[in-house]
Amino acid sequence: MSDISLTESAARRVAWIAERQSKPAILRLAVDGGGCAGFTYKFELAEAPDGDDAVAETDGVKLVVDPLSLDLVRGSAVDFVEDLGGAAFKVLNPNAQSGCGCGSSFSV
């Protein structure tokens, strides 16, 4: 199993956003301290991977994660979901011991 993966749904959404912002189709996932459960996920478009980033690629779209964040999300998949609550990127993290109602915070 790879360290991190990007679903086809998430890859399509990143490509769509990147095209509209005239940026490369590279999504950076980082983990910050905080949120209602201890850690929170942060997403942003990146210009290029850093030298020590883990990189996953789906349909030509890259997902990059720094080494510190990777320790907390190893084995995860980044998905894009649309439901009644809205549309958002979601991390399916097997390392999270608990989460929160907002879905963007977790604990290990």
C-alpha atoms as a PDB file:
ATOM      1  CA  MET A   1       0.000   0.000   0.000  1.00  0.00           C
ATOM      2  CA  SER A   2       1.285   3.446  -0.819  1.00  0.00           C
ATOM      3  CA  ASP A   3       1.897   6.083   1.828  1.00  0.00           C
ATOM      4  CA  ILE A   4      -0.946   8.303   0.584  1.00  0.00           C
ATOM      5  CA  SER A   5      -3.409   8.270  -2.311  1.00  0.00           C
ATOM      6  CA  LEU A   6      -5.742  10.563  -4.209  1.00  0.00           C
ATOM      7  CA  THR A   7      -9.115   9.278  -5.421  1.00  0.00           C
ATOM      8  CA  GLU A   8     -10.297   9.885  -8.986  1.00  0.00           C
ATOM      9  CA  SER A   9     -13.024  12.199  -7.663  1.00  0.00           C
ATOM     10  CA  ALA A  10     -10.460  14.311  -5.797  1.00  0.00           C
ATOM     11  CA  ALA A  11      -8.109  14.332  -8.803  1.00  0.00           C
ATOM     12  CA  ARG A  12     -10.903  15.643 -11.051  1.00  0.00           C
ATOM     13  CA  ARG A  13     -11.714  18.422  -8.568  1.00  0.00           C
ATOM     14  CA  VAL A  14      -8.057  19.460  -8.149  1.00  0.00           C
ATOM     15  CA  ALA A  15      -7.649  19.572 -11.944  1.00  0.00           C
ATOM     16  CA  TRP A  16     -10.817  21.711 -12.235  1.00  0.00           C
ATOM     17  CA  ILE A  17      -9.668  24.188  -9.542  1.00  0.00           C
ATOM     18  CA  ALA A  18      -6.090  24.343 -10.865  1.00  0.00           C
ATOM     19  CA  GLU A  19      -7.286  25.038 -14.412  1.00  0.00           C
ATOM     20  CA  ARG A  20      -9.441  27.957 -13.239  1.00  0.00           C
ATOM     21  CA  GLN A  21      -6.571  29.414 -11.207  1.00  0.00           C
ATOM     22  CA  SER A  22      -3.977  28.761 -13.954  1.00  0.00           C
ATOM     23  CA  LYS A  23      -1.859  26.717 -11.535  1.00  0.00           C
ATOM     24  CA  PRO A  24      -0.334  23.235 -11.718  1.00  0.00           C
ATOM     25  CA  ALA A  25      -2.656  20.387 -10.678  1.00  0.00           C
ATOM     26  CA  ILE A  26      -0.793  19.733  -7.406  1.00  0.00           C
ATOM     27  CA  LEU A  27      -2.685  19.500  -4.102  1.00  0.00           C
ATOM     28  CA  ARG A  28      -0.706  19.905  -0.885  1.00  0.00           C
ATOM     29  CA  LEU A  29      -2.064  18.212   2.243  1.00  0.00           C
ATOM     30  CA  ALA A  30      -0.608  19.366   5.549  1.00  0.00           C
ATOM     31  CA  VAL A  31      -1.544  18.632   9.149  1.00  0.00           C
ATOM     32  CA  ASP A  32      -1.617  21.474  11.679  1.00  0.00           C
ATOM     33  CA  GLY A  33      -2.124  21.373  15.422  1.00  0.00           C
ATOM     34  CA  GLY A  34      -5.525  22.649  16.510  1.00  0.00           C
ATOM     35  CA  GLY A  35      -9.102  22.012  15.523  1.00  0.00           C
ATOM     36  CA  CYS A  36     -11.688  20.527  17.814  1.00  0.00           C
ATOM     37  CA  ALA A  37      -9.946  17.122  18.012  1.00  0.00           C
ATOM     38  CA  GLY A  38      -6.248  18.045  18.200  1.00  0.00           C
ATOM     39  CA  PHE A  39      -5.100  18.113  14.548  1.00  0.00           C
ATOM     40  CA  THR A  40      -6.608  19.690  11.473  1.00  0.00           C
ATOM     41  CA  TYR A  41      -6.130  19.068   7.754  1.00  0.00           C
ATOM     42  CA  LYS A  42      -5.012  21.923   5.515  1.00  0.00           C
ATOM     43  CA  PHE A  43      -5.310  21.849   1.717  1.00  0.00           C
ATOM     44  CA  GLU A  44      -3.790  24.229  -0.835  1.00  0.00           C
ATOM     45  CA  LEU A  45      -2.594  24.191  -4.417  1.00  0.00           C
ATOM     46  CA  ALA A  46       1.183  23.906  -4.697  1.00  0.00           C
ATOM     47  CA  GLU A  47       3.510  25.104  -7.441  1.00  0.00           C
ATOM     48  CA  ALA A  48       5.761  22.039  -7.148  1.00  0.00           C
ATOM     49  CA  PRO A  49       6.598  19.261  -4.691  1.00  0.00           C
ATOM     50  CA  ASP A  50       9.422  19.942  -2.229  1.00  0.00           C
ATOM     51  CA  GLY A  51      12.390  17.574  -2.355  1.00  0.00           C
ATOM     52  CA  ASP A  52      11.361  15.508   0.664  1.00  0.00           C
ATOM     53  CA  ASP A  53       7.595  15.382  -0.019  1.00  0.00           C
ATOM     54  CA  ALA A  54       5.726  12.132  -0.500  1.00  0.00           C
ATOM     55  CA  VAL A  55       3.999  12.301  -3.882  1.00  0.00           C
ATOM     56  CA  ALA A  56       0.976  10.341  -5.124  1.00  0.00           C
ATOM     57  CA  GLU A  57      -0.417  10.760  -8.618  1.00  0.00           C
ATOM     58  CA  THR A  58      -3.867  10.004 -10.043  1.00  0.00           C
ATOM     59  CA  ASP A  59      -4.837  10.874 -13.623  1.00  0.00           C
ATOM     60  CA  GLY A  60      -1.928  13.329 -13.905  1.00  0.00           C
ATOM     61  CA  VAL A  61      -2.857  15.171 -10.692  1.00  0.00           C
ATOM     62  CA  LYS A  62      -0.356  15.101  -7.835  1.00  0.00           C
ATOM     63  CA  LEU A  63      -0.967  14.972  -4.087  1.00  0.00           C
ATOM     64  CA  VAL A  64       2.057  16.065  -2.034  1.00  0.00           C
ATOM     65  CA  VAL A  65       2.582  15.672   1.713  1.00  0.00           C
ATOM     66  CA  ASP A  66       5.515  16.879   3.820  1.00  0.00           C
ATOM     67  CA  PRO A  67       7.350  14.261   5.954  1.00  0.00           C
ATOM     68  CA  LEU A  68       6.020  15.534   9.311  1.00  0.00           C
ATOM     69  CA  SER A  69       2.398  15.481   8.143  1.00  0.00           C
ATOM     70  CA  LEU A  70       2.918  12.112   6.436  1.00  0.00           C
ATOM     71  CA  ASP A  71       3.567  10.474   9.817  1.00  0.00           C
ATOM     72  CA  LEU A  72      -0.018  11.391  10.789  1.00  0.00           C
ATOM     73  CA  VAL A  73      -1.740  10.524   7.492  1.00  0.00           C
ATOM     74  CA  ARG A  74       0.255   7.512   6.244  1.00  0.00           C
ATOM     75  CA  GLY A  75      -2.081   5.044   4.511  1.00  0.00           C
ATOM     76  CA  SER A  76      -4.768   7.699   3.976  1.00  0.00           C
ATOM     77  CA  ALA A  77      -6.749   8.509   0.867  1.00  0.00           C
ATOM     78  CA  VAL A  78      -7.855  12.017  -0.053  1.00  0.00           C
ATOM     79  CA  ASP A  79     -11.344  12.065  -1.544  1.00  0.00           C
ATOM     80  CA  PHE A  80     -13.708  14.776  -2.757  1.00  0.00           C
ATOM     81  CA  VAL A  81     -17.304  14.379  -1.605  1.00  0.00           C
ATOM     82  CA  GLU A  82     -20.449  16.289  -2.421  1.00  0.00           C
ATOM     83  CA  ASP A  83     -23.513  15.815  -0.237  1.00  0.00           C
ATOM     84  CA  LEU A  84     -26.249  17.836   1.479  1.00  0.00           C
ATOM     85  CA  GLY A  85     -23.657  19.327   3.812  1.00  0.00           C
ATOM     86  CA  GLY A  86     -21.694  20.779   0.892  1.00  0.00           C
ATOM     87  CA  ALA A  87     -18.660  19.803  -1.131  1.00  0.00           C
ATOM     88  CA  ALA A  88     -15.228  19.265   0.392  1.00  0.00           C
ATOM     89  CA  PHE A  89     -11.997  17.329   0.287  1.00  0.00           C
ATOM     90  CA  LYS A  90     -12.031  14.575   2.900  1.00  0.00           C
ATOM     91  CA  VAL A  91      -9.149  12.546   4.317  1.00  0.00           C
ATOM     92  CA  LEU A  92      -9.917   8.873   4.934  1.00  0.00           C
ATOM     93  CA  ASN A  93      -7.315   8.411   7.646  1.00  0.00           C
ATOM     94  CA  PRO A  94      -6.839   4.942   9.188  1.00  0.00           C
ATOM     95  CA  ASN A  95      -4.570   6.494  11.865  1.00  0.00           C
ATOM     96  CA  ALA A  96      -7.240   8.781  13.321  1.00  0.00           C
ATOM     97  CA  GLN A  97      -8.487   7.504  16.666  1.00  0.00           C
ATOM     98  CA  SER A  98     -11.376   9.962  16.676  1.00  0.00           C
ATOM     99  CA  GLY A  99     -12.731  12.759  14.562  1.00  0.00           C
ATOM    100  CA  CYS A 100     -15.237  15.517  14.888  1.00  0.00           C
ATOM    101  CA  GLY A 101     -18.522  16.508  13.326  1.00  0.00           C
ATOM    102  CA  CYS A 102     -16.918  18.933  10.882  1.00  0.00           C
ATOM    103  CA  GLY A 103     -14.739  16.162   9.398  1.00  0.00           C
ATOM    104  CA  SER A 104     -11.655  18.371   9.185  1.00  0.00           C
ATOM    105  CA  SER A 105     -10.193  17.617  12.608  1.00  0.00           C
ATOM    106  CA  PHE A 106      -8.891  14.387  14.138  1.00  0.00           C
ATOM    107  CA  SER A 107      -6.833  12.903  16.970  1.00  0.00           C
ATOM    108  CA  VAL A 108      -4.276  10.092  17.014  1.00  0.00           C
END
